């Protein structure tokens, strides 16, 4: 199973972009999404942007991750 996370593109340098997720910046390959632009959101898997998504999809994805994180925190509190 593959998991990809939505990240916002901040800078582009050739086929590498600087992206941001919750304040964490990282460099990812954008060779699979040549039409990406600064400000776009991309789904990133294993350091590679695999698709461009709209802002609403990215926000929904991030909300789901936050809900899962909270559920995990609650489960650890109970143990």
N, C-alpha and C. Protein backbone atom coordinates (compact mmCIF):
# COMPACT_ATOMS: atom_id res chain seq x y z
N UNK A 1 0.84 -1.18 0.00
CA UNK A 1 0.00 0.00 0.00
C UNK A 1 0.89 1.24 0.00
N UNK A 2 0.53 2.23 -0.77
CA UNK A 2 1.26 3.49 -0.83
C UNK A 2 0.46 4.57 -0.13
N UNK A 3 1.18 5.45 0.55
CA UNK A 3 0.54 6.58 1.20
C UNK A 3 1.18 7.85 0.68
N UNK A 4 0.36 8.78 0.24
CA UNK A 4 0.84 10.07 -0.23
C UNK A 4 0.20 11.16 0.61
N UNK A 5 0.93 12.25 0.79
CA UNK A 5 0.46 13.35 1.62
C UNK A 5 0.49 14.64 0.80
N UNK A 6 -0.56 15.45 0.92
CA UNK A 6 -0.64 16.72 0.20
C UNK A 6 0.34 17.73 0.80
N UNK A 7 1.08 18.40 -0.07
CA UNK A 7 2.02 19.43 0.36
C UNK A 7 1.96 20.60 -0.62
N UNK A 8 2.19 21.81 -0.10
CA UNK A 8 2.14 23.01 -0.93
C UNK A 8 3.52 23.30 -1.50
N UNK A 9 3.57 23.64 -2.78
CA UNK A 9 4.83 23.97 -3.46
C UNK A 9 5.18 25.43 -3.17
N UNK A 10 6.38 25.62 -2.59
CA UNK A 10 6.85 26.97 -2.26
C UNK A 10 7.84 27.52 -3.28
N UNK A 11 8.74 26.67 -3.76
CA UNK A 11 9.78 27.07 -4.71
C UNK A 11 10.01 25.93 -5.68
N UNK A 12 10.48 26.28 -6.87
CA UNK A 12 10.82 25.27 -7.87
C UNK A 12 12.21 25.58 -8.41
N UNK A 13 13.05 24.53 -8.46
CA UNK A 13 14.40 24.65 -9.01
C UNK A 13 14.63 23.43 -9.90
N UNK A 14 14.39 23.61 -11.20
CA UNK A 14 14.52 22.49 -12.12
C UNK A 14 13.43 21.46 -11.87
N UNK A 15 13.85 20.22 -11.60
CA UNK A 15 12.86 19.17 -11.34
C UNK A 15 12.73 18.87 -9.85
N UNK A 16 13.09 19.85 -9.01
CA UNK A 16 12.95 19.72 -7.56
C UNK A 16 12.16 20.91 -7.03
N UNK A 17 11.25 20.62 -6.11
CA UNK A 17 10.46 21.69 -5.49
C UNK A 17 10.66 21.66 -3.99
N UNK A 18 10.59 22.84 -3.38
CA UNK A 18 10.53 22.92 -1.93
C UNK A 18 9.05 22.94 -1.58
N UNK A 19 8.64 22.02 -0.72
CA UNK A 19 7.24 21.93 -0.32
C UNK A 19 7.12 22.13 1.18
N UNK A 20 5.88 22.36 1.62
CA UNK A 20 5.64 22.61 3.04
C UNK A 20 4.41 21.85 3.49
N UNK A 21 4.51 21.29 4.68
CA UNK A 21 3.39 20.61 5.32
C UNK A 21 3.46 20.91 6.81
N UNK A 22 2.49 21.64 7.32
CA UNK A 22 2.46 21.98 8.75
C UNK A 22 3.77 22.59 9.25
N UNK A 23 4.37 23.46 8.45
CA UNK A 23 5.59 24.14 8.84
C UNK A 23 6.87 23.38 8.52
N UNK A 24 6.78 22.12 8.13
CA UNK A 24 7.94 21.32 7.78
C UNK A 24 8.20 21.47 6.28
N UNK A 25 9.39 21.93 5.94
CA UNK A 25 9.75 22.10 4.54
C UNK A 25 10.66 20.96 4.11
N UNK A 26 10.44 20.51 2.87
CA UNK A 26 11.30 19.46 2.32
C UNK A 26 11.39 19.61 0.81
N UNK A 27 12.42 19.01 0.26
CA UNK A 27 12.63 19.04 -1.19
C UNK A 27 12.13 17.73 -1.77
N UNK A 28 11.35 17.84 -2.84
CA UNK A 28 10.79 16.66 -3.48
C UNK A 28 10.99 16.74 -4.99
N UNK A 29 11.06 15.59 -5.61
CA UNK A 29 11.15 15.52 -7.07
C UNK A 29 9.80 15.87 -7.67
N UNK A 30 9.82 16.69 -8.71
CA UNK A 30 8.59 17.02 -9.43
C UNK A 30 8.64 16.53 -10.88
N UNK A 31 9.53 15.58 -11.14
CA UNK A 31 9.69 15.09 -12.52
C UNK A 31 8.42 14.41 -13.05
N UNK A 32 7.56 13.90 -12.15
CA UNK A 32 6.33 13.25 -12.60
C UNK A 32 5.18 14.23 -12.81
N UNK A 33 5.38 15.49 -12.37
CA UNK A 33 4.33 16.51 -12.52
C UNK A 33 4.94 17.77 -13.14
N UNK A 34 5.32 17.68 -14.41
CA UNK A 34 6.05 18.79 -15.04
C UNK A 34 5.26 20.10 -15.13
N UNK A 35 3.95 20.06 -15.01
CA UNK A 35 3.14 21.27 -15.11
C UNK A 35 2.91 21.97 -13.77
N UNK A 36 3.55 21.49 -12.71
CA UNK A 36 3.35 22.07 -11.39
C UNK A 36 3.86 23.51 -11.33
N UNK A 37 3.17 24.33 -10.54
CA UNK A 37 3.54 25.74 -10.38
C UNK A 37 3.65 26.06 -8.89
N UNK A 38 4.37 27.13 -8.59
CA UNK A 38 4.45 27.60 -7.21
C UNK A 38 3.04 27.91 -6.73
N UNK A 39 2.73 27.45 -5.53
CA UNK A 39 1.40 27.63 -4.97
C UNK A 39 0.48 26.44 -5.16
N UNK A 40 0.84 25.54 -6.09
CA UNK A 40 0.06 24.31 -6.28
C UNK A 40 0.24 23.38 -5.09
N UNK A 41 -0.69 22.46 -4.96
CA UNK A 41 -0.58 21.38 -3.97
C UNK A 41 -0.30 20.10 -4.73
N UNK A 42 0.61 19.30 -4.18
CA UNK A 42 0.97 18.04 -4.81
C UNK A 42 0.86 16.92 -3.78
N UNK A 43 0.53 15.73 -4.27
CA UNK A 43 0.55 14.55 -3.42
C UNK A 43 1.96 13.98 -3.50
N UNK A 44 2.60 13.80 -2.32
CA UNK A 44 3.99 13.36 -2.27
C UNK A 44 4.06 11.98 -1.64
N UNK A 45 4.76 11.09 -2.34
CA UNK A 45 5.02 9.74 -1.84
C UNK A 45 6.51 9.46 -2.00
N UNK A 46 7.16 9.12 -0.90
CA UNK A 46 8.58 8.73 -0.91
C UNK A 46 9.45 9.80 -1.58
N UNK A 47 9.15 11.07 -1.32
CA UNK A 47 9.97 12.15 -1.84
C UNK A 47 9.70 12.53 -3.28
N UNK A 48 8.62 12.00 -3.84
CA UNK A 48 8.27 12.28 -5.23
C UNK A 48 6.84 12.80 -5.30
N UNK A 49 6.65 13.94 -5.95
CA UNK A 49 5.30 14.45 -6.20
C UNK A 49 4.70 13.60 -7.30
N UNK A 50 3.56 12.96 -6.99
CA UNK A 50 2.98 12.04 -7.96
C UNK A 50 1.73 12.57 -8.65
N UNK A 51 1.16 13.66 -8.10
CA UNK A 51 0.01 14.28 -8.77
C UNK A 51 -0.21 15.68 -8.20
N UNK A 52 -0.89 16.49 -8.98
CA UNK A 52 -1.28 17.83 -8.55
C UNK A 52 -2.74 17.74 -8.12
N UNK A 53 -3.05 18.35 -6.97
CA UNK A 53 -4.43 18.35 -6.48
C UNK A 53 -4.87 19.79 -6.21
N UNK A 54 -6.18 20.00 -6.20
CA UNK A 54 -6.67 21.35 -5.90
C UNK A 54 -6.59 21.61 -4.39
N UNK A 55 -6.71 22.86 -4.02
CA UNK A 55 -6.57 23.28 -2.63
C UNK A 55 -7.58 22.58 -1.73
N UNK A 56 -8.81 22.45 -2.18
CA UNK A 56 -9.86 21.82 -1.38
C UNK A 56 -9.52 20.37 -1.08
N UNK A 57 -9.03 19.65 -2.07
CA UNK A 57 -8.64 18.25 -1.88
C UNK A 57 -7.48 18.16 -0.89
N UNK A 58 -6.51 19.05 -1.04
CA UNK A 58 -5.36 19.06 -0.13
C UNK A 58 -5.80 19.34 1.30
N UNK A 59 -6.68 20.31 1.48
CA UNK A 59 -7.16 20.65 2.83
C UNK A 59 -7.94 19.50 3.44
N UNK A 60 -8.74 18.83 2.64
CA UNK A 60 -9.50 17.67 3.13
C UNK A 60 -8.55 16.55 3.55
N UNK A 61 -7.53 16.31 2.73
CA UNK A 61 -6.54 15.29 3.03
C UNK A 61 -5.83 15.60 4.35
N UNK A 62 -5.42 16.85 4.52
CA UNK A 62 -4.72 17.24 5.74
C UNK A 62 -5.63 17.13 6.96
N UNK A 63 -6.90 17.45 6.80
CA UNK A 63 -7.85 17.32 7.90
C UNK A 63 -7.98 15.86 8.33
N UNK A 64 -8.04 14.96 7.37
CA UNK A 64 -8.13 13.54 7.68
C UNK A 64 -6.88 13.06 8.43
N UNK A 65 -5.70 13.52 8.01
CA UNK A 65 -4.47 13.16 8.71
C UNK A 65 -4.50 13.65 10.15
N UNK A 66 -4.99 14.87 10.36
CA UNK A 66 -5.09 15.42 11.71
C UNK A 66 -6.05 14.61 12.57
N UNK A 67 -7.16 14.18 11.98
CA UNK A 67 -8.12 13.35 12.72
C UNK A 67 -7.51 12.01 13.11
N UNK A 68 -6.75 11.40 12.20
CA UNK A 68 -6.09 10.14 12.52
C UNK A 68 -5.05 10.32 13.61
N UNK A 69 -4.29 11.41 13.53
CA UNK A 69 -3.29 11.70 14.55
C UNK A 69 -3.94 11.86 15.92
N UNK A 70 -5.04 12.58 15.98
CA UNK A 70 -5.75 12.78 17.25
C UNK A 70 -6.28 11.45 17.79
N UNK A 71 -6.82 10.63 16.91
CA UNK A 71 -7.33 9.32 17.34
C UNK A 71 -6.20 8.47 17.92
N UNK A 72 -5.03 8.52 17.31
CA UNK A 72 -3.88 7.77 17.83
C UNK A 72 -3.46 8.30 19.19
N UNK A 73 -3.43 9.61 19.34
CA UNK A 73 -3.08 10.20 20.64
C UNK A 73 -4.04 9.74 21.72
N UNK A 74 -5.33 9.76 21.40
CA UNK A 74 -6.34 9.35 22.37
C UNK A 74 -6.17 7.86 22.73
N UNK A 75 -5.86 7.04 21.76
CA UNK A 75 -5.70 5.60 22.04
C UNK A 75 -4.49 5.36 22.94
N UNK A 76 -3.43 6.14 22.79
CA UNK A 76 -2.26 5.99 23.64
C UNK A 76 -2.54 6.48 25.06
N UNK A 77 -3.39 7.49 25.20
CA UNK A 77 -3.75 7.98 26.52
C UNK A 77 -4.51 6.93 27.31
N UNK A 78 -5.29 6.13 26.62
CA UNK A 78 -6.12 5.11 27.28
C UNK A 78 -5.30 3.92 27.73
N UNK A 79 -4.13 3.74 27.17
CA UNK A 79 -3.30 2.56 27.51
C UNK A 79 -2.32 2.86 28.58
